[in-house]
Amino acid sequence: WRAIGRDDAGLLVPGAPADYAVWRTAELLVQAPDDRVARWSTDPRSGTPGLPDLTPGAELPVCLRTVVSGQTVYVRPNE
């Protein structure tokens, strides 16, 4: 988005167009192969978000709702 001049893309702020999805996930993980990075990434002050566990056999994330330009375009049935 930045390449086409949309510097506000990716920000949730009042008045900005909102594009986002709401997901249901199982456990969130911070995975880093390097011990130095792992120590840094698991520090809650680092702001590094956890990601869903996508290893084979793990429960996959489920999209519950999708919003584009502030309008709901998808709601998972029975949610």
PDB file of N, CA and C in Angstrom:
ATOM      1  N   TRP A   1       0.808  -1.188   0.000  1.00  0.00           N
ATOM      2  CA  TRP A   1       0.000   0.000   0.000  1.00  0.00           C
ATOM      3  C   TRP A   1       0.852   1.253   0.000  1.00  0.00           C
ATOM      4  N   ARG A   2       1.968   1.208   0.638  1.00  0.00           N
ATOM      5  CA  ARG A   2       2.803   2.408   0.701  1.00  0.00           C
ATOM      6  C   ARG A   2       3.319   2.801  -0.683  1.00  0.00           C
ATOM      7  N   ALA A   3       3.535   1.808  -1.565  1.00  0.00           N
ATOM      8  CA  ALA A   3       4.037   2.090  -2.912  1.00  0.00           C
ATOM      9  C   ALA A   3       3.049   2.921  -3.723  1.00  0.00           C
ATOM     10  N   ILE A   4       1.756   2.828  -3.422  1.00  0.00           N
ATOM     11  CA  ILE A   4       0.773   3.627  -4.157  1.00  0.00           C
ATOM     12  C   ILE A   4       0.319   4.850  -3.365  1.00  0.00           C
ATOM     13  N   GLY A   5       1.054   5.157  -2.298  1.00  0.00           N
ATOM     14  CA  GLY A   5       0.780   6.377  -1.545  1.00  0.00           C
ATOM     15  C   GLY A   5      -0.260   6.256  -0.454  1.00  0.00           C
ATOM     16  N   ARG A   6      -0.652   5.050  -0.077  1.00  0.00           N
ATOM     17  CA  ARG A   6      -1.613   4.878   1.021  1.00  0.00           C
ATOM     18  C   ARG A   6      -0.848   4.657   2.311  1.00  0.00           C
ATOM     19  N   ASP A   7      -0.360   5.737   2.886  1.00  0.00           N
ATOM     20  CA  ASP A   7       0.457   5.638   4.094  1.00  0.00           C
ATOM     21  C   ASP A   7      -0.348   5.252   5.328  1.00  0.00           C
ATOM     22  N   ASP A   8      -1.676   5.383   5.267  1.00  0.00           N
ATOM     23  CA  ASP A   8      -2.499   5.035   6.426  1.00  0.00           C
ATOM     24  C   ASP A   8      -2.909   3.561   6.434  1.00  0.00           C
ATOM     25  N   ALA A   9      -2.580   2.815   5.389  1.00  0.00           N
ATOM     26  CA  ALA A   9      -2.964   1.402   5.327  1.00  0.00           C
ATOM     27  C   ALA A   9      -2.293   0.627   6.461  1.00  0.00           C
ATOM     28  N   GLY A  10      -3.046  -0.249   7.074  1.00  0.00           N
ATOM     29  CA  GLY A  10      -2.508  -1.066   8.153  1.00  0.00           C
ATOM     30  C   GLY A  10      -2.659  -0.450   9.528  1.00  0.00           C
ATOM     31  N   LEU A  11      -3.295   0.714   9.608  1.00  0.00           N
ATOM     32  CA  LEU A  11      -3.495   1.378  10.893  1.00  0.00           C
ATOM     33  C   LEU A  11      -4.970   1.376  11.250  1.00  0.00           C
ATOM     34  N   LEU A  12      -5.283   1.052  12.497  1.00  0.00           N
ATOM     35  CA  LEU A  12      -6.650   1.172  12.990  1.00  0.00           C
ATOM     36  C   LEU A  12      -6.712   2.430  13.843  1.00  0.00           C
ATOM     37  N   VAL A  13      -7.182   3.506  13.227  1.00  0.00           N
ATOM     38  CA  VAL A  13      -7.302   4.790  13.916  1.00  0.00           C
ATOM     39  C   VAL A  13      -8.667   5.380  13.587  1.00  0.00           C
ATOM     40  N   PRO A  14      -9.221   6.222  14.472  1.00  0.00           N
ATOM     41  CA  PRO A  14     -10.529   6.824  14.196  1.00  0.00           C
ATOM     42  C   PRO A  14     -10.535   7.559  12.857  1.00  0.00           C
ATOM     43  N   GLY A  15     -11.569   7.305  12.074  1.00  0.00           N
ATOM     44  CA  GLY A  15     -11.739   7.982  10.797  1.00  0.00           C
ATOM     45  C   GLY A  15     -11.062   7.316   9.612  1.00  0.00           C
ATOM     46  N   ALA A  16     -10.172   6.367   9.852  1.00  0.00           N
ATOM     47  CA  ALA A  16      -9.478   5.690   8.748  1.00  0.00           C
ATOM     48  C   ALA A  16     -10.344   4.538   8.244  1.00  0.00           C
ATOM     49  N   PRO A  17     -10.253   4.212   6.936  1.00  0.00           N
ATOM     50  CA  PRO A  17     -10.988   3.042   6.452  1.00  0.00           C
ATOM     51  C   PRO A  17     -10.461   1.783   7.135  1.00  0.00           C
ATOM     52  N   ALA A  18     -11.376   0.925   7.544  1.00  0.00           N
ATOM     53  CA  ALA A  18     -10.970  -0.263   8.298  1.00  0.00           C
ATOM     54  C   ALA A  18     -11.102  -1.516   7.445  1.00  0.00           C
ATOM     55  N   ASP A  19      -9.996  -2.218   7.270  1.00  0.00           N
ATOM     56  CA  ASP A  19      -9.958  -3.527   6.620  1.00  0.00           C
ATOM     57  C   ASP A  19      -9.306  -4.480   7.616  1.00  0.00           C
ATOM     58  N   TYR A  20     -10.056  -5.483   8.076  1.00  0.00           N
ATOM     59  CA  TYR A  20      -9.476  -6.423   9.035  1.00  0.00           C
ATOM     60  C   TYR A  20     -10.289  -7.710   9.057  1.00  0.00           C
ATOM     61  N   ALA A  21      -9.723  -8.721   9.669  1.00  0.00           N
ATOM     62  CA  ALA A  21     -10.409  -9.997   9.863  1.00  0.00           C
ATOM     63  C   ALA A  21     -10.303 -10.382  11.334  1.00  0.00           C
ATOM     64  N   VAL A  22     -11.330 -11.032  11.834  1.00  0.00           N
ATOM     65  CA  VAL A  22     -11.355 -11.535  13.208  1.00  0.00           C
ATOM     66  C   VAL A  22     -11.210 -13.049  13.126  1.00  0.00           C
ATOM     67  N   TRP A  23     -10.230 -13.574  13.843  1.00  0.00           N
ATOM     68  CA  TRP A  23      -9.920 -15.006  13.787  1.00  0.00           C
ATOM     69  C   TRP A  23     -10.095 -15.654  15.146  1.00  0.00           C
ATOM     70  N   ARG A  24     -10.534 -16.912  15.141  1.00  0.00           N
ATOM     71  CA  ARG A  24     -10.505 -17.744  16.353  1.00  0.00           C
ATOM     72  C   ARG A  24      -9.314 -18.673  16.186  1.00  0.00           C
ATOM     73  N   THR A  25      -8.449 -18.679  17.188  1.00  0.00           N
ATOM     74  CA  THR A  25      -7.255 -19.520  17.131  1.00  0.00           C
ATOM     75  C   THR A  25      -7.115 -20.306  18.426  1.00  0.00           C
ATOM     76  N   ALA A  26      -6.309 -21.321  18.362  1.00  0.00           N
ATOM     77  CA  ALA A  26      -5.920 -22.035  19.577  1.00  0.00           C
ATOM     78  C   ALA A  26      -4.763 -21.235  20.189  1.00  0.00           C
ATOM     79  N   GLU A  27      -3.814 -21.902  20.760  1.00  0.00           N
ATOM     80  CA  GLU A  27      -2.684 -21.240  21.417  1.00  0.00           C
ATOM     81  C   GLU A  27      -1.872 -20.403  20.425  1.00  0.00           C
ATOM     82  N   LEU A  28      -1.439 -19.224  20.870  1.00  0.00           N
ATOM     83  CA  LEU A  28      -0.556 -18.382  20.068  1.00  0.00           C
ATOM     84  C   LEU A  28       0.880 -18.614  20.512  1.00  0.00           C
ATOM     85  N   LEU A  29       1.792 -18.643  19.545  1.00  0.00           N
ATOM     86  CA  LEU A  29       3.198 -18.931  19.817  1.00  0.00           C
ATOM     87  C   LEU A  29       4.080 -17.828  19.268  1.00  0.00           C
ATOM     88  N   VAL A  30       5.222 -17.630  19.900  1.00  0.00           N
ATOM     89  CA  VAL A  30       6.290 -16.807  19.330  1.00  0.00           C
ATOM     90  C   VAL A  30       7.399 -17.777  18.990  1.00  0.00           C
ATOM     91  N   GLN A  31       7.673 -17.939  17.692  1.00  0.00           N
ATOM     92  CA  GLN A  31       8.682 -18.898  17.257  1.00  0.00           C
ATOM     93  C   GLN A  31       9.866 -18.149  16.674  1.00  0.00           C
ATOM     94  N   ALA A  32      11.047 -18.490  17.141  1.00  0.00           N
ATOM     95  CA  ALA A  32      12.275 -17.890  16.616  1.00  0.00           C
ATOM     96  C   ALA A  32      13.372 -18.938  16.696  1.00  0.00           C
ATOM     97  N   PRO A  33      14.059 -19.225  15.594  1.00  0.00           N
ATOM     98  CA  PRO A  33      15.072 -20.273  15.603  1.00  0.00           C
ATOM     99  C   PRO A  33      16.337 -19.909  16.369  1.00  0.00           C
ATOM    100  N   ASP A  34      16.645 -18.650  16.484  1.00  0.00           N
ATOM    101  CA  ASP A  34      17.881 -18.193  17.122  1.00  0.00           C
ATOM    102  C   ASP A  34      17.600 -17.874  18.589  1.00  0.00           C
ATOM    103  N   ASP A  35      18.397 -18.426  19.524  1.00  0.00           N
ATOM    104  CA  ASP A  35      18.181 -18.185  20.952  1.00  0.00           C
ATOM    105  C   ASP A  35      18.177 -16.703  21.301  1.00  0.00           C
ATOM    106  N   ARG A  36      19.071 -15.926  20.689  1.00  0.00           N
ATOM    107  CA  ARG A  36      19.109 -14.494  20.995  1.00  0.00           C
ATOM    108  C   ARG A  36      17.797 -13.833  20.613  1.00  0.00           C
ATOM    109  N   VAL A  37      17.238 -14.205  19.460  1.00  0.00           N
ATOM    110  CA  VAL A  37      15.971 -13.643  19.012  1.00  0.00           C
ATOM    111  C   VAL A  37      14.833 -14.170  19.869  1.00  0.00           C
ATOM    112  N   ALA A  38      14.886 -15.446  20.224  1.00  0.00           N
ATOM    113  CA  ALA A  38      13.836 -16.036  21.047  1.00  0.00           C
ATOM    114  C   ALA A  38      13.747 -15.324  22.391  1.00  0.00           C
ATOM    115  N   ARG A  39      14.877 -15.029  23.017  1.00  0.00           N
ATOM    116  CA  ARG A  39      14.851 -14.320  24.300  1.00  0.00           C
ATOM    117  C   ARG A  39      14.229 -12.952  24.130  1.00  0.00           C
ATOM    118  N   TRP A  40      14.587 -12.262  23.046  1.00  0.00           N
ATOM    119  CA  TRP A  40      14.037 -10.934  22.804  1.00  0.00           C
ATOM    120  C   TRP A  40      12.548 -11.015  22.498  1.00  0.00           C
ATOM    121  N   SER A  41      12.152 -11.958  21.627  1.00  0.00           N
ATOM    122  CA  SER A  41      10.777 -12.022  21.146  1.00  0.00           C
ATOM    123  C   SER A  41       9.782 -12.418  22.225  1.00  0.00           C
ATOM    124  N   THR A  42      10.183 -13.222  23.195  1.00  0.00           N
ATOM    125  CA  THR A  42       9.239 -13.656  24.218  1.00  0.00           C
ATOM    126  C   THR A  42       9.099 -12.635  25.342  1.00  0.00           C
ATOM    127  N   ASP A  43       9.871 -11.575  25.302  1.00  0.00           N
ATOM    128  CA  ASP A  43       9.728 -10.494  26.275  1.00  0.00           C
ATOM    129  C   ASP A  43       8.445  -9.743  25.940  1.00  0.00           C
ATOM    130  N   PRO A  44       7.441  -9.725  26.851  1.00  0.00           N
ATOM    131  CA  PRO A  44       6.171  -9.077  26.527  1.00  0.00           C
ATOM    132  C   PRO A  44       6.329  -7.596  26.178  1.00  0.00           C
ATOM    133  N   ARG A  45       7.400  -6.975  26.645  1.00  0.00           N
ATOM    134  CA  ARG A  45       7.605  -5.555  26.339  1.00  0.00           C
ATOM    135  C   ARG A  45       8.062  -5.335  24.908  1.00  0.00           C
ATOM    136  N   SER A  46       8.466  -6.396  24.201  1.00  0.00           N
ATOM    137  CA  SER A  46       8.975  -6.242  22.838  1.00  0.00           C
ATOM    138  C   SER A  46       7.869  -5.936  21.845  1.00  0.00           C
ATOM    139  N   GLY A  47       6.637  -6.237  22.185  1.00  0.00           N
ATOM    140  CA  GLY A  47       5.531  -5.991  21.280  1.00  0.00           C
ATOM    141  C   GLY A  47       5.446  -6.992  20.141  1.00  0.00           C
ATOM    142  N   THR A  48       6.188  -8.081  20.220  1.00  0.00           N
ATOM    143  CA  THR A  48       6.137  -9.100  19.181  1.00  0.00           C
ATOM    144  C   THR A  48       4.884  -9.946  19.384  1.00  0.00           C
ATOM    145  N   PRO A  49       3.960  -9.937  18.408  1.00  0.00           N
ATOM    146  CA  PRO A  49       2.719 -10.687  18.603  1.00  0.00           C
ATOM    147  C   PRO A  49       2.924 -12.183  18.421  1.00  0.00           C
ATOM    148  N   GLY A  50       2.126 -12.949  19.119  1.00  0.00           N
ATOM    149  CA  GLY A  50       2.128 -14.384  18.907  1.00  0.00           C
ATOM    150  C   GLY A  50       1.412 -14.722  17.615  1.00  0.00           C
ATOM    151  N   LEU A  51       1.741 -15.836  17.039  1.00  0.00           N
ATOM    152  CA  LEU A  51       1.100 -16.315  15.814  1.00  0.00           C
ATOM    153  C   LEU A  51       0.488 -17.681  16.080  1.00  0.00           C
ATOM    154  N   PRO A  52      -0.557 -18.052  15.334  1.00  0.00           N
ATOM    155  CA  PRO A  52      -1.160 -19.372  15.539  1.00  0.00           C
ATOM    156  C   PRO A  52      -0.171 -20.493  15.245  1.00  0.00           C
ATOM    157  N   ASP A  53      -0.341 -21.590  15.945  1.00  0.00           N
ATOM    158  CA  ASP A  53       0.471 -22.785  15.715  1.00  0.00           C
ATOM    159  C   ASP A  53      -0.042 -23.473  14.451  1.00  0.00           C
ATOM    160  N   LEU A  54       0.781 -23.512  13.398  1.00  0.00           N
ATOM    161  CA  LEU A  54       0.383 -24.114  12.124  1.00  0.00           C
ATOM    162  C   LEU A  54       1.101 -25.434  11.852  1.00  0.00           C
ATOM    163  N   THR A  55       1.662 -26.040  12.889  1.00  0.00           N
ATOM    164  CA  THR A  55       2.330 -27.323  12.686  1.00  0.00           C
ATOM    165  C   THR A  55       1.291 -28.381  12.322  1.00  0.00           C
ATOM    166  N   PRO A  56       1.694 -29.417  11.561  1.00  0.00           N
ATOM    167  CA  PRO A  56       0.750 -30.467  11.175  1.00  0.00           C
ATOM    168  C   PRO A  56       0.050 -31.054  12.401  1.00  0.00           C
ATOM    169  N   GLY A  57      -1.264 -31.181  12.300  1.00  0.00           N
ATOM    170  CA  GLY A  57      -2.058 -31.738  13.382  1.00  0.00           C
ATOM    171  C   GLY A  57      -2.633 -30.700  14.323  1.00  0.00           C
ATOM    172  N   ALA A  58      -2.131 -29.473  14.284  1.00  0.00           N
ATOM    173  CA  ALA A  58      -2.657 -28.417  15.151  1.00  0.00           C
ATOM    174  C   ALA A  58      -3.996 -27.925  14.598  1.00  0.00           C
ATOM    175  N   GLU A  59      -4.851 -27.436  15.481  1.00  0.00           N
ATOM    176  CA  GLU A  59      -6.132 -26.873  15.055  1.00  0.00           C
ATOM    177  C   GLU A  59      -5.870 -25.590  14.267  1.00  0.00           C
ATOM    178  N   LEU A  60      -6.411 -25.495  13.060  1.00  0.00           N
ATOM    179  CA  LEU A  60      -6.174 -24.325  12.218  1.00  0.00           C
ATOM    180  C   LEU A  60      -7.043 -23.154  12.655  1.00  0.00           C
ATOM    181  N   PRO A  61      -6.562 -21.920  12.455  1.00  0.00           N
ATOM    182  CA  PRO A  61      -7.374 -20.737  12.750  1.00  0.00           C
ATOM    183  C   PRO A  61      -8.634 -20.720  11.874  1.00  0.00           C
ATOM    184  N   VAL A  62      -9.692 -20.095  12.386  1.00  0.00           N
ATOM    185  CA  VAL A  62     -10.953 -19.988  11.655  1.00  0.00           C
ATOM    186  C   VAL A  62     -11.324 -18.511  11.563  1.00  0.00           C
ATOM    187  N   CYS A  63     -11.598 -18.030  10.341  1.00  0.00           N
ATOM    188  CA  CYS A  63     -12.018 -16.640  10.160  1.00  0.00           C
ATOM    189  C   CYS A  63     -13.480 -16.510  10.585  1.00  0.00           C
ATOM    190  N   LEU A  64     -13.746 -15.596  11.532  1.00  0.00           N
ATOM    191  CA  LEU A  64     -15.098 -15.389  12.028  1.00  0.00           C
ATOM    192  C   LEU A  64     -15.793 -14.227  11.335  1.00  0.00           C
ATOM    193  N   ARG A  65     -15.017 -13.216  10.937  1.00  0.00           N
ATOM    194  CA  ARG A  65     -15.605 -12.018  10.336  1.00  0.00           C
ATOM    195  C   ARG A  65     -14.540 -11.302   9.528  1.00  0.00           C
ATOM    196  N   THR A  66     -14.950 -10.720   8.390  1.00  0.00           N
ATOM    197  CA  THR A  66     -14.055  -9.907   7.574  1.00  0.00           C
ATOM    198  C   THR A  66     -14.735  -8.571   7.309  1.00  0.00           C
ATOM    199  N   VAL A  67     -13.985  -7.489   7.495  1.00  0.00           N
ATOM    200  CA  VAL A  67     -14.492  -6.132   7.285  1.00  0.00           C
ATOM    201  C   VAL A  67     -13.602  -5.443   6.264  1.00  0.00           C
ATOM    202  N   VAL A  68     -14.216  -4.834   5.241  1.00  0.00           N
ATOM    203  CA  VAL A  68     -13.489  -4.110   4.201  1.00  0.00           C
ATOM    204  C   VAL A  68     -14.069  -2.703   4.112  1.00  0.00           C
ATOM    205  N   SER A  69     -13.208  -1.708   4.228  1.00  0.00           N
ATOM    206  CA  SER A  69     -13.633  -0.297   4.203  1.00  0.00           C
ATOM    207  C   SER A  69     -14.759  -0.032   5.196  1.00  0.00           C
ATOM    208  N   GLY A  70     -14.675  -0.664   6.354  1.00  0.00           N
ATOM    209  CA  GLY A  70     -15.651  -0.444   7.413  1.00  0.00           C
ATOM    210  C   GLY A  70     -16.944  -1.221   7.263  1.00  0.00           C
ATOM    211  N   GLN A  71     -17.098  -2.003   6.202  1.00  0.00           N
ATOM    212  CA  GLN A  71     -18.318  -2.774   5.965  1.00  0.00           C
ATOM    213  C   GLN A  71     -18.040  -4.265   6.155  1.00  0.00           C
ATOM    214  N   THR A  72     -18.891  -4.927   6.917  1.00  0.00           N
ATOM    215  CA  THR A  72     -18.747  -6.369   7.100  1.00  0.00           C
ATOM    216  C   THR A  72     -19.082  -7.068   5.787  1.00  0.00           C
ATOM    217  N   VAL A  73     -18.139  -7.860   5.277  1.00  0.00           N
ATOM    218  CA  VAL A  73     -18.356  -8.576   4.020  1.00  0.00           C
ATOM    219  C   VAL A  73     -18.467 -10.085   4.234  1.00  0.00           C
ATOM    220  N   TYR A  74     -18.122 -10.555   5.421  1.00  0.00           N
ATOM    221  CA  TYR A  74     -18.229 -11.986   5.710  1.00  0.00           C
ATOM    222  C   TYR A  74     -18.444 -12.175   7.199  1.00  0.00           C
ATOM    223  N   VAL A  75     -19.412 -13.022   7.540  1.00  0.00           N
ATOM    224  CA  VAL A  75     -19.624 -13.479   8.913  1.00  0.00           C
ATOM    225  C   VAL A  75     -19.769 -14.990   8.839  1.00  0.00           C
ATOM    226  N   ARG A  76     -18.959 -15.679   9.620  1.00  0.00           N
ATOM    227  CA  ARG A  76     -19.031 -17.147   9.623  1.00  0.00           C
ATOM    228  C   ARG A  76     -20.395 -17.576  10.138  1.00  0.00           C
ATOM    229  N   PRO A  77     -21.058 -18.491   9.432  1.00  0.00           N
ATOM    230  CA  PRO A  77     -22.371 -18.966   9.886  1.00  0.00           C
ATOM    231  C   PRO A  77     -22.301 -19.524  11.311  1.00  0.00           C
ATOM    232  N   ASN A  78     -23.363 -19.324  12.050  1.00  0.00           N
ATOM    233  CA  ASN A  78     -23.517 -19.836  13.418  1.00  0.00           C
ATOM    234  C   ASN A  78     -22.552 -19.213  14.405  1.00  0.00           C
ATOM    235  N   GLU A  79     -22.071 -18.030  14.131  1.00  0.00           N
ATOM    236  CA  GLU A  79     -21.176 -17.347  15.082  1.00  0.00           C
ATOM    237  C   GLU A  79     -21.891 -16.157  15.670  1.00  0.00           C
TER     238      GLU A  79
END
